[in-house]
N, C-alpha and C. Protein backbone atom coordinates (compact mmCIF):
# COMPACT_ATOMS: atom_id res chain seq x y z
N MET A 1 102.44 77.29 99.52
CA MET A 1 102.30 75.99 98.87
C MET A 1 101.29 75.15 99.66
N SER A 2 100.24 74.77 99.01
CA SER A 2 99.17 74.05 99.70
C SER A 2 99.27 72.57 99.44
N THR A 3 99.05 71.78 100.48
CA THR A 3 99.01 70.33 100.33
C THR A 3 97.59 69.82 100.41
N SER A 4 96.64 70.73 100.35
CA SER A 4 95.24 70.32 100.44
C SER A 4 94.84 69.63 99.15
N GLN A 5 93.71 68.95 99.17
CA GLN A 5 93.23 68.25 97.99
C GLN A 5 92.71 69.22 96.94
N GLU A 6 92.41 70.45 97.34
CA GLU A 6 91.86 71.41 96.39
C GLU A 6 92.90 71.87 95.38
N TYR A 7 94.11 72.16 95.82
CA TYR A 7 95.16 72.61 94.90
C TYR A 7 96.54 72.42 95.52
N HIS A 8 97.55 72.36 94.65
CA HIS A 8 98.92 72.20 95.11
C HIS A 8 99.66 73.52 95.22
N HIS A 9 99.35 74.44 94.30
CA HIS A 9 100.02 75.74 94.31
C HIS A 9 99.00 76.86 94.12
N LEU A 10 99.31 78.01 94.70
CA LEU A 10 98.50 79.21 94.52
C LEU A 10 99.29 80.20 93.67
N VAL A 11 98.70 80.62 92.55
CA VAL A 11 99.32 81.60 91.67
C VAL A 11 98.53 82.90 91.76
N LYS A 12 99.23 83.96 92.12
CA LYS A 12 98.59 85.26 92.25
C LYS A 12 99.05 86.17 91.11
N LEU A 13 98.09 86.61 90.29
CA LEU A 13 98.37 87.54 89.20
C LEU A 13 97.71 88.87 89.51
N ILE A 14 98.41 89.96 89.21
CA ILE A 14 97.83 91.28 89.41
C ILE A 14 97.80 92.00 88.07
N VAL A 15 96.67 92.64 87.78
CA VAL A 15 96.46 93.31 86.49
C VAL A 15 96.51 94.82 86.73
N LEU A 16 97.43 95.49 86.03
CA LEU A 16 97.66 96.92 86.23
C LEU A 16 97.46 97.70 84.93
N GLY A 17 97.36 99.02 85.07
CA GLY A 17 97.22 99.89 83.91
C GLY A 17 96.28 101.04 84.20
N ASP A 18 96.30 102.04 83.32
CA ASP A 18 95.44 103.20 83.49
C ASP A 18 93.96 102.81 83.49
N THR A 19 93.14 103.67 84.04
CA THR A 19 91.71 103.43 84.02
C THR A 19 91.19 103.46 82.58
N GLY A 20 90.27 102.55 82.28
CA GLY A 20 89.64 102.52 80.96
C GLY A 20 90.38 101.73 79.89
N VAL A 21 91.49 101.08 80.25
CA VAL A 21 92.24 100.34 79.22
C VAL A 21 91.67 98.94 78.97
N GLY A 22 90.77 98.48 79.86
CA GLY A 22 90.13 97.18 79.65
C GLY A 22 90.59 96.09 80.59
N LYS A 23 91.10 96.44 81.75
CA LYS A 23 91.58 95.43 82.70
C LYS A 23 90.47 94.47 83.11
N THR A 24 89.34 95.03 83.55
CA THR A 24 88.22 94.20 84.00
C THR A 24 87.66 93.37 82.85
N SER A 25 87.58 93.95 81.67
CA SER A 25 87.05 93.23 80.50
C SER A 25 87.92 92.04 80.14
N ILE A 26 89.23 92.20 80.23
CA ILE A 26 90.15 91.10 79.94
C ILE A 26 89.97 89.97 80.94
N ILE A 27 89.84 90.32 82.22
CA ILE A 27 89.65 89.30 83.26
C ILE A 27 88.32 88.57 83.06
N LEU A 28 87.26 89.31 82.78
CA LEU A 28 85.95 88.70 82.54
C LEU A 28 85.99 87.75 81.35
N LYS A 29 86.69 88.16 80.30
CA LYS A 29 86.78 87.31 79.11
C LYS A 29 87.52 86.02 79.43
N TYR A 30 88.56 86.11 80.23
CA TYR A 30 89.35 84.93 80.57
C TYR A 30 88.61 83.99 81.52
N ILE A 31 88.05 84.54 82.58
CA ILE A 31 87.43 83.71 83.61
C ILE A 31 86.03 83.24 83.21
N GLU A 32 85.23 84.12 82.63
CA GLU A 32 83.82 83.81 82.36
C GLU A 32 83.47 83.79 80.88
N ASN A 33 84.46 84.02 80.02
CA ASN A 33 84.22 84.10 78.57
C ASN A 33 83.07 85.06 78.26
N LYS A 34 83.12 86.21 78.89
CA LYS A 34 82.04 87.19 78.80
C LYS A 34 82.62 88.55 78.41
N PHE A 35 81.89 89.28 77.54
CA PHE A 35 82.28 90.65 77.21
C PHE A 35 81.09 91.57 77.37
N LEU A 36 81.27 92.62 78.16
CA LEU A 36 80.21 93.59 78.40
C LEU A 36 80.60 94.92 77.75
N LEU A 37 79.63 95.56 77.10
CA LEU A 37 79.91 96.84 76.44
C LEU A 37 80.25 97.93 77.45
N THR A 38 79.60 97.88 78.60
CA THR A 38 79.90 98.86 79.66
C THR A 38 80.25 98.11 80.94
N VAL A 39 81.38 98.49 81.51
CA VAL A 39 81.86 97.86 82.75
C VAL A 39 82.15 98.96 83.76
N PRO A 40 81.60 98.87 84.97
CA PRO A 40 81.89 99.89 85.99
C PRO A 40 83.37 99.91 86.34
N SER A 41 83.89 101.08 86.66
CA SER A 41 85.29 101.18 87.07
C SER A 41 85.50 100.44 88.38
N THR A 42 86.62 99.74 88.47
CA THR A 42 86.96 99.02 89.70
C THR A 42 87.30 100.00 90.81
N ILE A 43 86.75 99.75 91.98
CA ILE A 43 87.06 100.56 93.16
C ILE A 43 88.14 99.84 93.96
N ALA A 44 89.32 100.44 94.00
CA ALA A 44 90.48 99.86 94.70
C ALA A 44 90.88 98.53 94.07
N VAL A 45 90.44 97.38 94.64
CA VAL A 45 90.82 96.08 94.09
C VAL A 45 89.65 95.11 94.14
N ASP A 46 89.71 94.12 93.27
CA ASP A 46 88.74 93.03 93.24
C ASP A 46 89.49 91.83 92.69
N PHE A 47 88.96 90.62 92.89
CA PHE A 47 89.65 89.48 92.29
C PHE A 47 88.68 88.36 91.95
N LYS A 48 89.10 87.55 90.97
CA LYS A 48 88.39 86.33 90.60
C LYS A 48 89.41 85.20 90.61
N PHE A 49 88.91 83.95 90.66
CA PHE A 49 89.84 82.83 90.68
C PHE A 49 89.25 81.63 89.96
N GLN A 50 90.12 80.72 89.59
CA GLN A 50 89.71 79.42 89.08
C GLN A 50 90.82 78.41 89.36
N VAL A 51 90.46 77.13 89.35
CA VAL A 51 91.43 76.06 89.60
C VAL A 51 91.70 75.34 88.29
N LEU A 52 92.99 75.19 87.95
CA LEU A 52 93.40 74.62 86.68
C LEU A 52 94.36 73.46 86.89
N ASN A 53 94.48 72.61 85.88
CA ASN A 53 95.52 71.59 85.83
C ASN A 53 96.67 72.13 84.99
N VAL A 54 97.83 72.30 85.61
CA VAL A 54 99.00 72.85 84.91
C VAL A 54 100.23 72.02 85.24
N LEU A 55 100.84 71.41 84.23
CA LEU A 55 102.07 70.63 84.43
C LEU A 55 101.91 69.59 85.53
N ASN A 56 100.81 68.87 85.50
CA ASN A 56 100.52 67.83 86.50
C ASN A 56 100.41 68.37 87.92
N ARG A 57 99.94 69.58 88.02
CA ARG A 57 99.66 70.18 89.32
C ARG A 57 98.27 70.81 89.28
N LYS A 58 97.59 70.70 90.41
CA LYS A 58 96.32 71.41 90.58
C LYS A 58 96.66 72.81 91.09
N VAL A 59 96.30 73.82 90.31
CA VAL A 59 96.74 75.19 90.61
C VAL A 59 95.53 76.11 90.77
N LYS A 60 95.50 76.83 91.88
CA LYS A 60 94.49 77.86 92.08
C LYS A 60 95.06 79.19 91.62
N VAL A 61 94.39 79.80 90.64
CA VAL A 61 94.87 81.06 90.07
C VAL A 61 93.97 82.20 90.53
N GLN A 62 94.55 83.15 91.23
CA GLN A 62 93.84 84.37 91.62
C GLN A 62 94.25 85.48 90.65
N VAL A 63 93.26 86.15 90.07
CA VAL A 63 93.54 87.28 89.18
C VAL A 63 92.99 88.54 89.83
N TRP A 64 93.89 89.42 90.23
CA TRP A 64 93.51 90.63 90.96
C TRP A 64 93.32 91.80 90.00
N ASP A 65 92.13 92.36 90.03
CA ASP A 65 91.77 93.52 89.22
C ASP A 65 92.01 94.78 90.05
N THR A 66 92.65 95.78 89.48
CA THR A 66 93.01 96.98 90.25
C THR A 66 92.46 98.24 89.61
N ALA A 67 92.23 99.24 90.43
CA ALA A 67 91.79 100.54 89.94
C ALA A 67 92.97 101.29 89.34
N GLY A 68 92.73 101.96 88.22
CA GLY A 68 93.81 102.70 87.57
C GLY A 68 93.94 104.13 88.04
N GLN A 69 92.93 104.63 88.77
CA GLN A 69 92.98 106.04 89.20
C GLN A 69 94.09 106.27 90.22
N GLU A 70 94.69 107.42 90.14
CA GLU A 70 95.79 107.79 91.03
C GLU A 70 95.37 107.74 92.49
N ILE A 71 94.11 108.07 92.78
CA ILE A 71 93.63 108.13 94.16
C ILE A 71 93.73 106.78 94.87
N PHE A 72 93.70 105.68 94.09
CA PHE A 72 93.74 104.34 94.69
C PHE A 72 95.14 103.71 94.66
N ARG A 73 96.12 104.42 94.14
CA ARG A 73 97.45 103.83 93.96
C ARG A 73 98.03 103.31 95.27
N GLY A 74 97.86 104.07 96.35
CA GLY A 74 98.41 103.65 97.63
C GLY A 74 97.83 102.33 98.10
N ILE A 75 96.53 102.16 97.92
CA ILE A 75 95.86 100.91 98.32
C ILE A 75 96.33 99.76 97.44
N VAL A 76 96.40 100.02 96.13
CA VAL A 76 96.76 98.98 95.17
C VAL A 76 98.17 98.45 95.42
N ARG A 77 99.08 99.33 95.82
CA ARG A 77 100.48 98.91 96.05
C ARG A 77 100.58 97.80 97.08
N ASN A 78 99.67 97.77 98.03
CA ASN A 78 99.70 96.72 99.05
C ASN A 78 99.49 95.34 98.46
N TYR A 79 98.87 95.27 97.28
CA TYR A 79 98.57 93.99 96.65
C TYR A 79 99.65 93.55 95.67
N TYR A 80 100.65 94.40 95.46
CA TYR A 80 101.76 94.01 94.58
C TYR A 80 102.58 92.89 95.21
N ARG A 81 102.72 92.97 96.52
CA ARG A 81 103.60 92.05 97.21
C ARG A 81 103.10 90.61 97.10
N ARG A 82 104.04 89.72 96.98
CA ARG A 82 103.78 88.28 96.87
C ARG A 82 103.02 87.92 95.59
N SER A 83 102.95 88.83 94.63
CA SER A 83 102.35 88.47 93.34
C SER A 83 103.39 87.71 92.52
N HIS A 84 102.94 86.72 91.80
CA HIS A 84 103.85 85.90 90.99
C HIS A 84 103.94 86.41 89.55
N GLY A 85 102.93 87.16 89.14
CA GLY A 85 102.93 87.67 87.77
C GLY A 85 102.16 88.97 87.68
N VAL A 86 102.63 89.84 86.78
CA VAL A 86 101.97 91.13 86.55
C VAL A 86 101.57 91.21 85.08
N ILE A 87 100.31 91.57 84.85
CA ILE A 87 99.84 91.85 83.49
C ILE A 87 99.60 93.36 83.43
N LEU A 88 100.46 94.05 82.71
CA LEU A 88 100.38 95.51 82.58
C LEU A 88 99.71 95.83 81.24
N ILE A 89 98.59 96.53 81.31
CA ILE A 89 97.76 96.74 80.12
C ILE A 89 97.74 98.20 79.70
N TYR A 90 97.81 98.41 78.38
CA TYR A 90 97.54 99.72 77.82
C TYR A 90 96.58 99.54 76.63
N ASP A 91 96.03 100.63 76.16
CA ASP A 91 95.05 100.63 75.08
C ASP A 91 95.75 101.08 73.80
N VAL A 92 95.75 100.24 72.75
CA VAL A 92 96.49 100.56 71.53
C VAL A 92 95.91 101.76 70.78
N VAL A 93 94.68 102.16 71.12
CA VAL A 93 94.09 103.35 70.48
C VAL A 93 94.10 104.56 71.42
N ASN A 94 94.78 104.43 72.55
CA ASN A 94 94.88 105.52 73.52
C ASN A 94 96.35 105.78 73.82
N ARG A 95 96.89 106.80 73.20
CA ARG A 95 98.32 107.10 73.33
C ARG A 95 98.70 107.43 74.76
N ASN A 96 97.83 108.10 75.47
CA ASN A 96 98.15 108.48 76.85
C ASN A 96 98.39 107.27 77.74
N SER A 97 97.62 106.19 77.51
CA SER A 97 97.79 104.98 78.32
C SER A 97 99.14 104.33 78.06
N PHE A 98 99.66 104.51 76.85
CA PHE A 98 101.00 104.00 76.53
C PHE A 98 102.07 104.89 77.14
N ASP A 99 101.87 106.19 77.08
CA ASP A 99 102.87 107.13 77.60
C ASP A 99 103.06 107.02 79.11
N SER A 100 102.06 106.47 79.81
CA SER A 100 102.18 106.33 81.27
C SER A 100 102.86 105.02 81.68
N LEU A 101 103.23 104.17 80.70
CA LEU A 101 103.84 102.88 81.03
C LEU A 101 105.14 102.99 81.82
N PRO A 102 106.03 103.95 81.53
CA PRO A 102 107.27 104.03 82.32
C PRO A 102 107.02 104.15 83.82
N SER A 103 106.01 104.92 84.22
CA SER A 103 105.73 105.06 85.65
C SER A 103 105.17 103.76 86.22
N TRP A 104 104.41 103.00 85.42
CA TRP A 104 103.91 101.70 85.87
C TRP A 104 105.06 100.71 86.05
N PHE A 105 105.96 100.68 85.08
CA PHE A 105 107.11 99.78 85.20
C PHE A 105 107.96 100.13 86.42
N GLU A 106 108.06 101.41 86.70
CA GLU A 106 108.82 101.85 87.88
C GLU A 106 108.17 101.33 89.16
N GLU A 107 106.84 101.41 89.22
CA GLU A 107 106.13 100.90 90.40
C GLU A 107 106.31 99.39 90.55
N ILE A 108 106.25 98.69 89.43
CA ILE A 108 106.43 97.24 89.47
C ILE A 108 107.81 96.88 90.00
N GLU A 109 108.82 97.58 89.52
CA GLU A 109 110.19 97.31 89.95
C GLU A 109 110.38 97.59 91.44
N GLU A 110 109.71 98.62 91.93
CA GLU A 110 109.86 99.00 93.34
C GLU A 110 109.09 98.09 94.28
N ASN A 111 107.98 97.52 93.81
CA ASN A 111 107.08 96.79 94.71
C ASN A 111 106.98 95.29 94.46
N CYS A 112 107.44 94.81 93.31
CA CYS A 112 107.33 93.38 92.99
C CYS A 112 108.72 92.81 92.74
N GLU A 113 109.16 91.92 93.61
CA GLU A 113 110.49 91.33 93.45
C GLU A 113 110.42 90.08 92.59
N HIS A 114 111.29 90.03 91.57
CA HIS A 114 111.45 88.84 90.73
C HIS A 114 110.11 88.33 90.18
N THR A 115 109.27 89.25 89.76
CA THR A 115 107.98 88.82 89.24
C THR A 115 108.03 88.69 87.72
N ASN A 116 107.12 87.93 87.16
CA ASN A 116 107.01 87.75 85.72
C ASN A 116 106.02 88.78 85.18
N THR A 117 106.43 89.55 84.19
CA THR A 117 105.60 90.64 83.69
C THR A 117 105.27 90.44 82.22
N VAL A 118 104.01 90.72 81.88
CA VAL A 118 103.57 90.69 80.48
C VAL A 118 102.97 92.05 80.15
N LEU A 119 103.58 92.76 79.21
CA LEU A 119 103.00 94.01 78.72
C LEU A 119 101.97 93.66 77.65
N THR A 120 100.76 94.17 77.83
CA THR A 120 99.64 93.75 76.99
C THR A 120 98.96 94.95 76.35
N GLY A 121 98.95 94.96 75.02
CA GLY A 121 98.22 95.98 74.28
C GLY A 121 96.80 95.50 74.01
N ASN A 122 95.82 96.14 74.61
CA ASN A 122 94.42 95.72 74.45
C ASN A 122 93.75 96.45 73.28
N LYS A 123 92.59 95.92 72.88
CA LYS A 123 91.76 96.44 71.79
C LYS A 123 92.39 96.22 70.42
N TYR A 124 92.94 95.02 70.27
CA TYR A 124 93.51 94.61 68.99
C TYR A 124 92.46 94.66 67.89
N ASP A 125 91.19 94.47 68.26
CA ASP A 125 90.11 94.52 67.26
C ASP A 125 89.96 95.90 66.63
N LEU A 126 90.55 96.92 67.26
CA LEU A 126 90.49 98.29 66.72
C LEU A 126 91.85 98.72 66.17
N CYS A 127 92.67 97.73 65.75
CA CYS A 127 94.05 98.03 65.37
C CYS A 127 94.14 98.98 64.17
N GLN A 128 93.08 99.07 63.36
CA GLN A 128 93.11 100.01 62.23
C GLN A 128 93.10 101.46 62.72
N SER A 129 92.67 101.66 63.96
CA SER A 129 92.65 103.01 64.54
C SER A 129 93.75 103.20 65.57
N ARG A 130 94.72 102.31 65.56
CA ARG A 130 95.74 102.32 66.61
C ARG A 130 96.53 103.62 66.61
N LYS A 131 96.92 104.00 67.84
CA LYS A 131 97.76 105.18 68.05
C LYS A 131 99.16 104.79 68.52
N VAL A 132 99.33 103.49 68.76
CA VAL A 132 100.63 102.98 69.22
C VAL A 132 101.04 101.84 68.30
N LYS A 133 102.21 101.94 67.70
CA LYS A 133 102.71 100.90 66.81
C LYS A 133 103.16 99.68 67.61
N ILE A 134 103.06 98.51 66.99
CA ILE A 134 103.51 97.28 67.64
C ILE A 134 104.97 97.40 68.04
N GLU A 135 105.78 97.98 67.15
CA GLU A 135 107.21 98.11 67.42
C GLU A 135 107.48 98.91 68.69
N GLU A 136 106.64 99.90 68.96
CA GLU A 136 106.81 100.70 70.17
C GLU A 136 106.54 99.87 71.42
N GLY A 137 105.49 99.04 71.34
CA GLY A 137 105.17 98.18 72.47
C GLY A 137 106.26 97.16 72.73
N VAL A 138 106.77 96.55 71.66
CA VAL A 138 107.84 95.56 71.79
C VAL A 138 109.09 96.20 72.40
N LYS A 139 109.40 97.41 71.97
CA LYS A 139 110.61 98.11 72.43
C LYS A 139 110.57 98.37 73.94
N ILE A 140 109.46 98.95 74.42
CA ILE A 140 109.40 99.26 75.85
C ILE A 140 109.32 97.99 76.69
N ALA A 141 108.72 96.93 76.14
CA ALA A 141 108.69 95.65 76.85
C ALA A 141 110.10 95.09 77.01
N GLU A 142 110.87 95.11 75.94
CA GLU A 142 112.24 94.60 75.99
C GLU A 142 113.10 95.42 76.94
N GLU A 143 112.89 96.73 76.95
CA GLU A 143 113.67 97.60 77.84
C GLU A 143 113.40 97.29 79.31
N ASN A 144 112.21 96.75 79.59
CA ASN A 144 111.83 96.45 80.97
C ASN A 144 111.76 94.94 81.25
N LYS A 145 112.42 94.16 80.37
CA LYS A 145 112.51 92.70 80.54
C LYS A 145 111.13 92.07 80.71
N SER A 146 110.22 92.49 79.86
CA SER A 146 108.84 92.00 79.92
C SER A 146 108.49 91.26 78.64
N GLU A 147 107.57 90.30 78.76
CA GLU A 147 106.97 89.70 77.58
C GLU A 147 106.03 90.72 76.94
N TYR A 148 105.68 90.50 75.67
CA TYR A 148 104.76 91.43 74.99
C TYR A 148 103.74 90.65 74.18
N ILE A 149 102.49 91.13 74.23
CA ILE A 149 101.42 90.51 73.44
C ILE A 149 100.31 91.54 73.24
N GLU A 150 99.55 91.38 72.16
CA GLU A 150 98.38 92.22 71.94
C GLU A 150 97.14 91.33 71.97
N VAL A 151 96.08 91.83 72.59
CA VAL A 151 94.87 91.03 72.80
C VAL A 151 93.63 91.87 72.48
N SER A 152 92.50 91.17 72.46
CA SER A 152 91.21 91.86 72.34
C SER A 152 90.25 91.25 73.35
N ALA A 153 89.82 92.06 74.30
CA ALA A 153 88.83 91.58 75.27
C ALA A 153 87.50 91.33 74.59
N LYS A 154 87.24 92.04 73.50
CA LYS A 154 85.96 91.90 72.81
C LYS A 154 85.88 90.59 72.02
N SER A 155 86.89 90.31 71.21
CA SER A 155 86.88 89.10 70.37
C SER A 155 87.49 87.90 71.07
N GLY A 156 88.27 88.16 72.13
CA GLY A 156 88.96 87.07 72.82
C GLY A 156 90.33 86.77 72.25
N HIS A 157 90.76 87.52 71.22
CA HIS A 157 92.04 87.27 70.56
C HIS A 157 93.19 87.27 71.58
N ASN A 158 93.90 86.14 71.64
CA ASN A 158 95.12 85.97 72.46
C ASN A 158 94.89 86.01 73.97
N ILE A 159 93.64 86.09 74.43
CA ILE A 159 93.40 86.17 75.89
C ILE A 159 93.85 84.88 76.58
N GLN A 160 93.33 83.73 76.11
CA GLN A 160 93.71 82.45 76.71
C GLN A 160 95.21 82.21 76.59
N LYS A 161 95.74 82.50 75.43
CA LYS A 161 97.17 82.29 75.18
C LYS A 161 98.02 83.06 76.18
N MET A 162 97.67 84.32 76.42
CA MET A 162 98.43 85.16 77.33
C MET A 162 98.44 84.58 78.74
N PHE A 163 97.25 84.26 79.26
CA PHE A 163 97.16 83.74 80.62
C PHE A 163 97.84 82.38 80.74
N GLU A 164 97.60 81.49 79.79
CA GLU A 164 98.15 80.14 79.87
C GLU A 164 99.68 80.17 79.84
N LYS A 165 100.24 81.01 78.99
CA LYS A 165 101.70 81.10 78.89
C LYS A 165 102.30 81.62 80.20
N LEU A 166 101.70 82.65 80.75
CA LEU A 166 102.20 83.24 81.99
C LEU A 166 102.06 82.27 83.16
N ILE A 167 100.89 81.65 83.29
CA ILE A 167 100.65 80.72 84.40
C ILE A 167 101.57 79.51 84.31
N THR A 168 101.74 78.96 83.11
CA THR A 168 102.62 77.80 82.93
C THR A 168 104.06 78.14 83.32
N LYS A 169 104.52 79.32 82.95
CA LYS A 169 105.88 79.75 83.31
C LYS A 169 106.05 79.84 84.82
N ILE A 170 105.04 80.39 85.49
CA ILE A 170 105.11 80.54 86.95
C ILE A 170 105.09 79.19 87.65
N VAL A 171 104.20 78.30 87.20
CA VAL A 171 104.10 76.97 87.82
C VAL A 171 105.39 76.18 87.61
N ALA A 172 106.00 76.31 86.43
CA ALA A 172 107.28 75.64 86.18
C ALA A 172 108.34 76.11 87.17
N GLN A 173 108.34 77.39 87.48
CA GLN A 173 109.28 77.93 88.47
C GLN A 173 108.98 77.37 89.86
N MET A 174 107.70 77.23 90.19
CA MET A 174 107.32 76.68 91.49
C MET A 174 107.74 75.22 91.61
N ILE A 175 107.59 74.46 90.52
CA ILE A 175 107.97 73.05 90.54
C ILE A 175 109.47 72.90 90.76
N GLU A 176 110.25 73.81 90.18
CA GLU A 176 111.71 73.77 90.36
C GLU A 176 112.09 73.94 91.83
N GLU A 177 111.27 74.66 92.58
CA GLU A 177 111.57 74.93 93.99
C GLU A 177 111.01 73.85 94.93
N GLU A 178 110.26 72.90 94.39
CA GLU A 178 109.72 71.83 95.22
C GLU A 178 110.84 70.89 95.67
N THR A 179 110.69 70.35 96.87
CA THR A 179 111.61 69.30 97.32
C THR A 179 111.21 68.00 96.62
N GLU A 180 112.10 67.02 96.66
CA GLU A 180 111.79 65.72 96.04
C GLU A 180 110.57 65.08 96.69
N GLU A 181 110.47 65.27 98.01
CA GLU A 181 109.32 64.71 98.74
C GLU A 181 108.02 65.37 98.27
N GLU A 182 108.06 66.69 98.08
CA GLU A 182 106.87 67.40 97.62
C GLU A 182 106.51 66.98 96.20
N LYS A 183 107.50 66.85 95.33
CA LYS A 183 107.24 66.43 93.96
C LYS A 183 106.50 65.09 93.94
N GLU A 184 107.01 64.14 94.71
CA GLU A 184 106.40 62.81 94.75
C GLU A 184 104.98 62.87 95.30
N MET A 185 104.82 63.64 96.38
CA MET A 185 103.50 63.76 97.01
C MET A 185 102.49 64.42 96.07
N PHE A 186 102.90 65.52 95.42
CA PHE A 186 102.00 66.25 94.53
C PHE A 186 101.63 65.42 93.31
N GLU A 187 102.60 64.70 92.75
CA GLU A 187 102.33 63.90 91.56
C GLU A 187 101.38 62.76 91.87
N LYS A 188 101.57 62.12 93.03
CA LYS A 188 100.65 61.06 93.44
C LYS A 188 99.25 61.62 93.66
N SER A 189 99.19 62.77 94.32
CA SER A 189 97.90 63.41 94.58
C SER A 189 97.20 63.78 93.29
N PHE A 190 97.97 64.31 92.32
CA PHE A 190 97.38 64.72 91.04
C PHE A 190 96.83 63.51 90.29
N LYS A 191 97.62 62.42 90.25
CA LYS A 191 97.17 61.21 89.56
C LYS A 191 95.91 60.65 90.20
N LYS A 192 95.88 60.66 91.54
CA LYS A 192 94.70 60.17 92.25
C LYS A 192 93.47 61.00 91.91
N GLN A 193 93.63 62.32 91.87
CA GLN A 193 92.52 63.20 91.54
C GLN A 193 92.03 62.97 90.12
N GLU A 194 92.97 62.73 89.20
CA GLU A 194 92.60 62.50 87.80
C GLU A 194 91.84 61.19 87.64
N ILE A 195 92.27 60.15 88.38
CA ILE A 195 91.57 58.86 88.33
C ILE A 195 90.15 59.01 88.87
N GLU A 196 90.03 59.72 90.00
CA GLU A 196 88.70 59.94 90.59
C GLU A 196 87.81 60.75 89.65
N LYS A 197 88.42 61.71 88.96
CA LYS A 197 87.67 62.54 88.02
C LYS A 197 87.15 61.69 86.85
N LYS A 198 88.01 60.81 86.33
CA LYS A 198 87.61 59.94 85.22
C LYS A 198 86.50 58.98 85.65
N LYS A 199 86.63 58.44 86.87
CA LYS A 199 85.59 57.55 87.39
C LYS A 199 84.26 58.28 87.50
N SER A 200 84.32 59.50 87.99
CA SER A 200 83.11 60.31 88.13
C SER A 200 82.45 60.56 86.78
N ILE A 201 83.28 60.86 85.78
CA ILE A 201 82.74 61.11 84.42
C ILE A 201 82.11 59.84 83.87
N LEU A 202 82.78 58.69 84.06
CA LEU A 202 82.25 57.42 83.57
C LEU A 202 80.93 57.08 84.25
N ASN A 203 80.86 57.31 85.56
CA ASN A 203 79.61 57.04 86.29
C ASN A 203 78.48 57.94 85.80
N GLU A 204 78.80 59.20 85.53
CA GLU A 204 77.78 60.12 85.01
C GLU A 204 77.27 59.66 83.65
N LYS A 205 78.20 59.21 82.79
CA LYS A 205 77.80 58.72 81.47
C LYS A 205 76.95 57.46 81.59
N LYS A 206 77.36 56.57 82.52
CA LYS A 206 76.62 55.33 82.73
C LYS A 206 75.20 55.63 83.20
N ASN A 207 75.08 56.53 84.17
CA ASN A 207 73.76 56.90 84.68
C ASN A 207 72.91 57.56 83.60
N GLU A 208 73.55 58.37 82.77
CA GLU A 208 72.83 59.04 81.69
C GLU A 208 72.33 58.03 80.66
N ASN A 209 73.19 57.04 80.33
CA ASN A 209 72.80 56.01 79.37
C ASN A 209 71.65 55.17 79.90
N GLU A 210 71.73 54.82 81.19
CA GLU A 210 70.65 54.04 81.80
C GLU A 210 69.35 54.81 81.79
N LYS A 211 69.43 56.10 82.04
CA LYS A 211 68.24 56.94 82.02
C LYS A 211 67.64 57.00 80.62
N ASN A 212 68.53 57.15 79.62
CA ASN A 212 68.06 57.21 78.23
C ASN A 212 67.41 55.90 77.81
N ASN A 213 68.01 54.77 78.26
CA ASN A 213 67.44 53.47 77.93
C ASN A 213 66.06 53.29 78.55
N ASP A 214 65.93 53.76 79.79
CA ASP A 214 64.64 53.67 80.46
C ASP A 214 63.59 54.50 79.73
N ASP A 215 64.02 55.65 79.23
CA ASP A 215 63.09 56.53 78.51
C ASP A 215 62.63 55.92 77.20
N GLU A 216 63.48 55.05 76.59
CA GLU A 216 63.15 54.47 75.30
C GLU A 216 62.19 53.29 75.41
N ILE A 217 62.06 52.69 76.60
CA ILE A 217 61.15 51.54 76.77
C ILE A 217 59.71 52.02 76.68
N PRO A 218 58.92 51.48 75.73
CA PRO A 218 57.54 51.95 75.59
C PRO A 218 56.70 51.60 76.81
N LYS A 219 55.80 52.48 77.13
CA LYS A 219 54.89 52.24 78.25
C LYS A 219 53.73 51.36 77.77
N LEU A 220 53.50 50.22 78.41
CA LEU A 220 52.46 49.27 78.01
C LEU A 220 51.28 49.34 78.97
N ASN A 221 50.09 49.18 78.38
CA ASN A 221 48.90 49.07 79.22
C ASN A 221 48.88 47.69 79.86
N VAL A 222 48.63 47.64 81.13
CA VAL A 222 48.61 46.36 81.84
C VAL A 222 47.26 45.69 81.62
N ILE A 223 47.29 44.46 81.12
CA ILE A 223 46.07 43.69 80.86
C ILE A 223 46.01 42.54 81.86
N ASN A 224 44.85 42.34 82.43
CA ASN A 224 44.68 41.26 83.39
C ASN A 224 44.54 39.95 82.61
N VAL A 225 45.60 39.17 82.59
CA VAL A 225 45.60 37.93 81.80
C VAL A 225 44.98 36.77 82.55
N ASN A 226 44.74 36.95 83.81
CA ASN A 226 44.11 35.90 84.61
C ASN A 226 42.87 36.44 85.30
N PRO A 227 41.82 36.74 84.51
CA PRO A 227 40.62 37.28 85.15
C PRO A 227 39.97 36.24 86.05
N LYS A 228 39.33 36.70 87.10
CA LYS A 228 38.64 35.78 88.00
C LYS A 228 37.46 35.13 87.27
N LYS A 229 37.33 33.82 87.44
CA LYS A 229 36.20 33.11 86.82
C LYS A 229 34.91 33.48 87.53
N GLU A 230 33.88 33.64 86.69
CA GLU A 230 32.58 33.97 87.28
C GLU A 230 32.05 32.77 88.05
N SER A 231 31.39 33.05 89.11
CA SER A 231 30.87 31.97 89.97
C SER A 231 29.78 31.19 89.24
N ASN A 232 29.80 29.84 89.36
CA ASN A 232 28.78 28.97 88.74
C ASN A 232 27.65 28.62 89.70
N SER A 233 27.69 29.28 90.84
CA SER A 233 26.63 28.96 91.80
C SER A 233 25.30 29.46 91.30
N GLY A 234 24.29 28.82 91.61
CA GLY A 234 22.95 29.22 91.18
C GLY A 234 22.31 28.11 90.35
N CYS A 235 21.17 28.40 89.85
CA CYS A 235 20.42 27.36 89.14
C CYS A 235 20.79 27.26 87.68
N CYS A 236 21.45 28.28 87.11
CA CYS A 236 21.70 28.25 85.66
C CYS A 236 23.16 27.95 85.37
């Protein structure tokens, strides 16, 4: 729990699943609103982060991308610990990625204590070619006390919804564990940051308006309205 001005809470999410199911693509779509046709396979682990306002708290969210290959499983397990949420992904048009879910759930249970899990069926945009029925996904999610959702990294379908719902749930749990002193301190800090943010926005708008007004003033040629009188010295 951080008391710094940057954020009040740190939320760590880990994204799991077989190789090729779209873990990196989902993270890129969420963090950068970007979709790439070809994405290199993740080597071991990687992560991205962003800072959000959630339930009147400034929250730093780390999203850890993991390699799905068996060779990296030992390394990846080290990152399960202290994670607040798990996003377990399979490909709705790849039956094998669904069939491997029981072993993934087993790993989560062994390595992540009291974590929030979301089972995610990716490639919803290809649902006409699906090899896994929605009912099958819902069933295995319920059996493992997990939330369930289907998304598309390509179109962005349900990506924001999935992350926002999971993050909000985790932050609500963190707020419940705050002491009264922490609640008061964090709420005051959040309000102060919001006021400063609004002031900054207003100042930017003011400066922009002043700049636009200056640009609208026509440029005038300067005329000498008080020319020097010619000298009358001389005979004429």
